[in-house]
Amino acid sequence: MKAPILKIGPYLIASLQAELTDTDLLELQDALVEQVGRFRSRGVILDVTTLDVMDSFATRTLRNIAQAVGLRGADAVIAGIRPEVALAMVQLGLDLRLSCVRTTLDLEEALAILDHESKGSGRRG
């Protein structure tokens, strides 16, 4: 798998690289859903800061990852959508927020959101 997954405390952080293929994205999806259970993770951050383009397949796969880890008990946040990528996604009619996927400007904000939600939900850390 080409996308590294880091475990930081109760969270998994996947850093998506520009050269990921559709197969790589599907492998990442499977790995994250499995690792949420194995590590009993409370949150997953999908860091897309390095992506120059997000096509419909990548957008749909990220949405699916967020929904699947949610079903496994973890919150998901997509961090770092670049301005030009956001504009292109809007022009193509792609919107992650329509499926209630949270997005943040950067990794720091994503961690803050997950920390806040974890404390607010009464989950143990």
N, C-alpha and C. Protein backbone atom coordinates (compact mmCIF):
# COMPACT_ATOMS: atom_id res chain seq x y z
N MET A 1 0.85 -1.17 0.00
CA MET A 1 0.00 0.00 0.00
C MET A 1 0.90 1.24 0.00
N LYS A 2 0.52 2.22 -0.78
CA LYS A 2 1.36 3.41 -0.96
C LYS A 2 1.03 4.55 -0.02
N ALA A 3 -0.12 4.52 0.64
CA ALA A 3 -0.50 5.60 1.56
C ALA A 3 -0.15 5.19 2.98
N PRO A 4 0.78 5.91 3.61
CA PRO A 4 1.14 5.55 4.98
C PRO A 4 0.00 5.84 5.95
N ILE A 5 -0.16 4.96 6.93
CA ILE A 5 -1.14 5.15 7.99
C ILE A 5 -0.37 5.22 9.31
N LEU A 6 -0.49 6.34 9.98
CA LEU A 6 0.17 6.53 11.27
C LEU A 6 -0.84 6.42 12.39
N LYS A 7 -0.44 5.79 13.48
CA LYS A 7 -1.28 5.73 14.67
C LYS A 7 -0.71 6.74 15.66
N ILE A 8 -1.52 7.74 15.98
CA ILE A 8 -1.14 8.77 16.94
C ILE A 8 -2.19 8.73 18.05
N GLY A 9 -1.85 8.13 19.18
CA GLY A 9 -2.82 7.99 20.27
C GLY A 9 -4.03 7.22 19.78
N PRO A 10 -5.23 7.78 19.99
CA PRO A 10 -6.45 7.08 19.59
C PRO A 10 -6.85 7.31 18.13
N TYR A 11 -5.96 7.94 17.35
CA TYR A 11 -6.31 8.32 15.97
C TYR A 11 -5.41 7.65 14.95
N LEU A 12 -5.97 7.45 13.77
CA LEU A 12 -5.21 7.01 12.61
C LEU A 12 -5.13 8.18 11.64
N ILE A 13 -3.96 8.41 11.09
CA ILE A 13 -3.78 9.48 10.12
C ILE A 13 -3.23 8.87 8.84
N ALA A 14 -4.00 9.01 7.76
CA ALA A 14 -3.58 8.52 6.45
C ALA A 14 -3.23 9.72 5.59
N SER A 15 -2.01 9.72 5.07
CA SER A 15 -1.55 10.80 4.22
C SER A 15 -1.62 10.34 2.77
N LEU A 16 -2.54 10.91 2.01
CA LEU A 16 -2.72 10.51 0.62
C LEU A 16 -1.72 11.24 -0.25
N GLN A 17 -1.08 10.49 -1.13
CA GLN A 17 -0.07 11.02 -2.04
C GLN A 17 -0.65 11.17 -3.44
N ALA A 18 -0.10 12.09 -4.20
CA ALA A 18 -0.63 12.40 -5.53
C ALA A 18 -0.60 11.22 -6.49
N GLU A 19 0.34 10.30 -6.31
CA GLU A 19 0.48 9.21 -7.27
C GLU A 19 -0.40 7.99 -6.95
N LEU A 20 -1.32 8.12 -6.02
CA LEU A 20 -2.19 6.98 -5.68
C LEU A 20 -3.10 6.62 -6.84
N THR A 21 -3.17 5.34 -7.12
CA THR A 21 -4.09 4.84 -8.15
C THR A 21 -5.42 4.51 -7.50
N ASP A 22 -6.41 4.19 -8.32
CA ASP A 22 -7.71 3.77 -7.79
C ASP A 22 -7.55 2.52 -6.93
N THR A 23 -6.69 1.60 -7.35
CA THR A 23 -6.43 0.39 -6.57
C THR A 23 -5.81 0.74 -5.22
N ASP A 24 -4.88 1.68 -5.21
CA ASP A 24 -4.28 2.13 -3.95
C ASP A 24 -5.33 2.71 -3.00
N LEU A 25 -6.25 3.49 -3.54
CA LEU A 25 -7.31 4.07 -2.72
C LEU A 25 -8.20 3.00 -2.11
N LEU A 26 -8.52 1.97 -2.89
CA LEU A 26 -9.34 0.87 -2.37
C LEU A 26 -8.59 0.08 -1.30
N GLU A 27 -7.28 -0.10 -1.49
CA GLU A 27 -6.48 -0.78 -0.47
C GLU A 27 -6.43 0.04 0.81
N LEU A 28 -6.31 1.36 0.67
CA LEU A 28 -6.32 2.24 1.82
C LEU A 28 -7.65 2.12 2.56
N GLN A 29 -8.73 2.10 1.81
CA GLN A 29 -10.06 1.97 2.41
C GLN A 29 -10.13 0.69 3.25
N ASP A 30 -9.74 -0.42 2.69
CA ASP A 30 -9.78 -1.70 3.41
C ASP A 30 -8.90 -1.67 4.65
N ALA A 31 -7.70 -1.12 4.51
CA ALA A 31 -6.77 -1.07 5.64
C ALA A 31 -7.29 -0.20 6.77
N LEU A 32 -7.84 0.95 6.45
CA LEU A 32 -8.35 1.84 7.49
C LEU A 32 -9.53 1.24 8.23
N VAL A 33 -10.45 0.65 7.49
CA VAL A 33 -11.62 0.05 8.14
C VAL A 33 -11.18 -1.09 9.06
N GLU A 34 -10.20 -1.86 8.64
CA GLU A 34 -9.70 -2.95 9.47
C GLU A 34 -8.94 -2.42 10.68
N GLN A 35 -8.08 -1.42 10.48
CA GLN A 35 -7.25 -0.91 11.57
C GLN A 35 -8.05 -0.15 12.62
N VAL A 36 -9.16 0.46 12.25
CA VAL A 36 -10.02 1.11 13.24
C VAL A 36 -10.43 0.09 14.30
N GLY A 37 -10.80 -1.10 13.87
CA GLY A 37 -11.17 -2.14 14.82
C GLY A 37 -9.99 -2.70 15.58
N ARG A 38 -8.91 -2.95 14.89
CA ARG A 38 -7.73 -3.55 15.53
C ARG A 38 -7.18 -2.64 16.62
N PHE A 39 -7.10 -1.34 16.35
CA PHE A 39 -6.52 -0.40 17.30
C PHE A 39 -7.57 0.31 18.16
N ARG A 40 -8.85 0.00 17.92
CA ARG A 40 -9.96 0.63 18.63
C ARG A 40 -9.84 2.16 18.53
N SER A 41 -9.56 2.60 17.32
CA SER A 41 -9.35 4.02 17.06
C SER A 41 -10.64 4.80 17.20
N ARG A 42 -10.53 6.01 17.72
CA ARG A 42 -11.69 6.89 17.88
C ARG A 42 -11.84 7.86 16.72
N GLY A 43 -10.79 7.99 15.91
CA GLY A 43 -10.87 8.93 14.81
C GLY A 43 -9.89 8.59 13.70
N VAL A 44 -10.25 9.02 12.49
CA VAL A 44 -9.41 8.84 11.31
C VAL A 44 -9.31 10.19 10.62
N ILE A 45 -8.08 10.57 10.31
CA ILE A 45 -7.86 11.79 9.54
C ILE A 45 -7.29 11.39 8.18
N LEU A 46 -7.93 11.87 7.14
CA LEU A 46 -7.46 11.66 5.78
C LEU A 46 -6.82 12.97 5.32
N ASP A 47 -5.50 12.99 5.28
CA ASP A 47 -4.77 14.21 4.94
C ASP A 47 -4.52 14.23 3.43
N VAL A 48 -5.16 15.18 2.76
CA VAL A 48 -5.07 15.27 1.29
C VAL A 48 -4.28 16.50 0.84
N THR A 49 -3.46 17.03 1.73
CA THR A 49 -2.73 18.27 1.47
C THR A 49 -1.90 18.21 0.20
N THR A 50 -1.32 17.06 -0.11
CA THR A 50 -0.43 16.98 -1.28
C THR A 50 -1.17 16.70 -2.59
N LEU A 51 -2.47 16.47 -2.53
CA LEU A 51 -3.21 16.16 -3.76
C LEU A 51 -3.46 17.42 -4.58
N ASP A 52 -3.13 17.34 -5.85
CA ASP A 52 -3.39 18.44 -6.79
C ASP A 52 -4.75 18.29 -7.45
N VAL A 53 -5.29 17.08 -7.45
CA VAL A 53 -6.54 16.76 -8.13
C VAL A 53 -7.30 15.74 -7.30
N MET A 54 -8.62 15.90 -7.24
CA MET A 54 -9.47 14.86 -6.66
C MET A 54 -10.60 14.61 -7.65
N ASP A 55 -10.53 13.46 -8.32
CA ASP A 55 -11.56 13.14 -9.29
C ASP A 55 -12.76 12.52 -8.58
N SER A 56 -13.77 12.15 -9.36
CA SER A 56 -15.00 11.63 -8.76
C SER A 56 -14.75 10.31 -8.03
N PHE A 57 -13.85 9.46 -8.53
CA PHE A 57 -13.57 8.19 -7.85
C PHE A 57 -12.90 8.44 -6.51
N ALA A 58 -11.91 9.33 -6.48
CA ALA A 58 -11.22 9.63 -5.22
C ALA A 58 -12.19 10.24 -4.21
N THR A 59 -13.02 11.16 -4.67
CA THR A 59 -14.00 11.79 -3.79
C THR A 59 -14.97 10.77 -3.22
N ARG A 60 -15.49 9.91 -4.08
CA ARG A 60 -16.43 8.88 -3.63
C ARG A 60 -15.75 7.91 -2.66
N THR A 61 -14.50 7.54 -2.93
CA THR A 61 -13.79 6.62 -2.06
C THR A 61 -13.53 7.25 -0.69
N LEU A 62 -13.15 8.52 -0.65
CA LEU A 62 -12.95 9.20 0.63
C LEU A 62 -14.26 9.27 1.41
N ARG A 63 -15.34 9.55 0.72
CA ARG A 63 -16.66 9.57 1.37
C ARG A 63 -17.00 8.19 1.92
N ASN A 64 -16.72 7.14 1.14
CA ASN A 64 -16.98 5.77 1.60
C ASN A 64 -16.14 5.41 2.81
N ILE A 65 -14.87 5.84 2.81
CA ILE A 65 -14.00 5.57 3.95
C ILE A 65 -14.59 6.22 5.20
N ALA A 66 -14.98 7.49 5.07
CA ALA A 66 -15.54 8.21 6.22
C ALA A 66 -16.79 7.52 6.75
N GLN A 67 -17.66 7.07 5.87
CA GLN A 67 -18.88 6.40 6.29
C GLN A 67 -18.58 5.03 6.91
N ALA A 68 -17.65 4.29 6.33
CA ALA A 68 -17.32 2.95 6.84
C ALA A 68 -16.66 3.02 8.21
N VAL A 69 -15.71 3.94 8.41
CA VAL A 69 -15.08 4.03 9.72
C VAL A 69 -16.09 4.53 10.75
N GLY A 70 -17.04 5.35 10.30
CA GLY A 70 -18.12 5.79 11.19
C GLY A 70 -18.95 4.62 11.67
N LEU A 71 -19.22 3.69 10.79
CA LEU A 71 -19.96 2.49 11.17
C LEU A 71 -19.16 1.60 12.12
N ARG A 72 -17.83 1.77 12.11
CA ARG A 72 -16.96 1.01 13.00
C ARG A 72 -16.71 1.76 14.31
N GLY A 73 -17.35 2.93 14.48
CA GLY A 73 -17.26 3.66 15.74
C GLY A 73 -16.25 4.78 15.79
N ALA A 74 -15.65 5.13 14.67
CA ALA A 74 -14.65 6.20 14.65
C ALA A 74 -15.20 7.41 13.88
N ASP A 75 -14.77 8.58 14.28
CA ASP A 75 -15.09 9.80 13.53
C ASP A 75 -14.05 9.97 12.43
N ALA A 76 -14.46 10.59 11.33
CA ALA A 76 -13.53 10.83 10.22
C ALA A 76 -13.53 12.30 9.83
N VAL A 77 -12.34 12.78 9.50
CA VAL A 77 -12.18 14.16 9.05
C VAL A 77 -11.21 14.15 7.87
N ILE A 78 -11.55 14.91 6.84
CA ILE A 78 -10.65 15.08 5.70
C ILE A 78 -9.99 16.44 5.84
N ALA A 79 -8.66 16.44 5.85
CA ALA A 79 -7.91 17.67 6.11
C ALA A 79 -7.07 18.08 4.91
N GLY A 80 -7.02 19.39 4.67
CA GLY A 80 -6.05 19.93 3.74
C GLY A 80 -6.44 20.02 2.28
N ILE A 81 -7.72 20.13 1.97
CA ILE A 81 -8.10 20.30 0.57
C ILE A 81 -7.58 21.67 0.11
N ARG A 82 -6.74 21.65 -0.91
CA ARG A 82 -6.12 22.87 -1.42
C ARG A 82 -7.16 23.74 -2.14
N PRO A 83 -6.95 25.06 -2.16
CA PRO A 83 -7.93 25.95 -2.78
C PRO A 83 -8.27 25.59 -4.23
N GLU A 84 -7.25 25.29 -5.03
CA GLU A 84 -7.52 24.98 -6.43
C GLU A 84 -8.26 23.65 -6.59
N VAL A 85 -8.02 22.72 -5.68
CA VAL A 85 -8.74 21.44 -5.69
C VAL A 85 -10.19 21.67 -5.30
N ALA A 86 -10.41 22.50 -4.28
CA ALA A 86 -11.78 22.81 -3.86
C ALA A 86 -12.57 23.45 -5.00
N LEU A 87 -11.95 24.40 -5.69
CA LEU A 87 -12.63 25.05 -6.81
C LEU A 87 -12.94 24.07 -7.93
N ALA A 88 -12.00 23.21 -8.25
CA ALA A 88 -12.23 22.21 -9.30
C ALA A 88 -13.34 21.24 -8.90
N MET A 89 -13.35 20.84 -7.63
CA MET A 89 -14.40 19.93 -7.17
C MET A 89 -15.78 20.57 -7.29
N VAL A 90 -15.88 21.84 -6.95
CA VAL A 90 -17.15 22.56 -7.07
C VAL A 90 -17.58 22.61 -8.53
N GLN A 91 -16.65 22.90 -9.44
CA GLN A 91 -16.98 22.96 -10.86
C GLN A 91 -17.45 21.62 -11.39
N LEU A 92 -16.92 20.53 -10.81
CA LEU A 92 -17.33 19.19 -11.24
C LEU A 92 -18.57 18.69 -10.51
N GLY A 93 -19.05 19.47 -9.55
CA GLY A 93 -20.23 19.06 -8.79
C GLY A 93 -19.93 18.04 -7.70
N LEU A 94 -18.69 17.98 -7.25
CA LEU A 94 -18.29 17.03 -6.21
C LEU A 94 -18.28 17.75 -4.87
N ASP A 95 -19.02 17.21 -3.90
CA ASP A 95 -19.06 17.85 -2.59
C ASP A 95 -19.08 16.78 -1.51
N LEU A 96 -18.03 16.74 -0.72
CA LEU A 96 -17.94 15.78 0.37
C LEU A 96 -18.92 16.10 1.48
N ARG A 97 -19.26 17.36 1.65
CA ARG A 97 -20.12 17.75 2.76
C ARG A 97 -21.56 17.28 2.60
N LEU A 98 -21.98 16.95 1.38
CA LEU A 98 -23.35 16.47 1.17
C LEU A 98 -23.60 15.17 1.92
N SER A 99 -22.56 14.42 2.18
CA SER A 99 -22.71 13.17 2.92
C SER A 99 -22.25 13.33 4.37
N CYS A 100 -22.21 14.57 4.84
CA CYS A 100 -21.85 14.88 6.23
C CYS A 100 -20.40 14.52 6.56
N VAL A 101 -19.53 14.50 5.58
CA VAL A 101 -18.11 14.29 5.83
C VAL A 101 -17.53 15.63 6.24
N ARG A 102 -16.84 15.65 7.37
CA ARG A 102 -16.24 16.90 7.83
C ARG A 102 -14.91 17.15 7.15
N THR A 103 -14.66 18.42 6.86
CA THR A 103 -13.40 18.82 6.26
C THR A 103 -12.80 19.94 7.11
N THR A 104 -11.47 20.01 7.11
CA THR A 104 -10.76 21.06 7.83
C THR A 104 -9.64 21.60 6.95
N LEU A 105 -9.14 22.76 7.33
CA LEU A 105 -8.06 23.37 6.57
C LEU A 105 -6.76 22.59 6.69
N ASP A 106 -6.50 22.02 7.87
CA ASP A 106 -5.22 21.35 8.07
C ASP A 106 -5.31 20.26 9.13
N LEU A 107 -4.20 19.57 9.29
CA LEU A 107 -4.11 18.46 10.23
C LEU A 107 -4.34 18.91 11.67
N GLU A 108 -3.79 20.05 12.03
CA GLU A 108 -3.94 20.57 13.39
C GLU A 108 -5.42 20.78 13.74
N GLU A 109 -6.18 21.36 12.83
CA GLU A 109 -7.60 21.59 13.07
C GLU A 109 -8.36 20.27 13.14
N ALA A 110 -7.98 19.31 12.32
CA ALA A 110 -8.62 17.99 12.35
C ALA A 110 -8.41 17.32 13.71
N LEU A 111 -7.19 17.38 14.23
CA LEU A 111 -6.91 16.80 15.55
C LEU A 111 -7.72 17.50 16.63
N ALA A 112 -7.84 18.82 16.54
CA ALA A 112 -8.61 19.57 17.53
C ALA A 112 -10.08 19.16 17.51
N ILE A 113 -10.64 18.97 16.32
CA ILE A 113 -12.04 18.55 16.20
C ILE A 113 -12.23 17.17 16.81
N LEU A 114 -11.35 16.24 16.48
CA LEU A 114 -11.48 14.90 17.03
C LEU A 114 -11.31 14.90 18.54
N ASP A 115 -10.37 15.67 19.06
CA ASP A 115 -10.18 15.77 20.51
C ASP A 115 -11.44 16.31 21.17
N HIS A 116 -12.02 17.36 20.60
CA HIS A 116 -13.22 17.97 21.15
C HIS A 116 -14.38 16.98 21.14
N GLU A 117 -14.58 16.28 20.04
CA GLU A 117 -15.69 15.34 19.94
C GLU A 117 -15.48 14.16 20.89
N SER A 118 -14.26 13.73 21.03
CA SER A 118 -13.96 12.62 21.92
C SER A 118 -14.30 12.98 23.37
N LYS A 119 -13.96 14.17 23.78
CA LYS A 119 -14.26 14.62 25.15
C LYS A 119 -15.74 14.85 25.34
N GLY A 120 -16.40 15.37 24.30
CA GLY A 120 -17.82 15.67 24.40
C GLY A 120 -18.72 14.45 24.38
N SER A 121 -18.22 13.34 23.83
CA SER A 121 -19.07 12.15 23.71
C SER A 121 -18.95 11.23 24.91
N GLY A 122 -18.03 11.55 25.81
CA GLY A 122 -17.86 10.69 26.98
C GLY A 122 -17.04 9.46 26.71
N ARG A 123 -16.39 9.40 25.56
CA ARG A 123 -15.52 8.26 25.26
C ARG A 123 -14.29 8.30 26.12
N ARG A 124 -13.79 7.16 26.45
CA ARG A 124 -12.56 7.09 27.23
C ARG A 124 -11.36 7.23 26.33
N GLY A 125 -10.28 7.83 26.84
CA GLY A 125 -9.08 8.05 26.03
C GLY A 125 -7.91 7.31 26.46
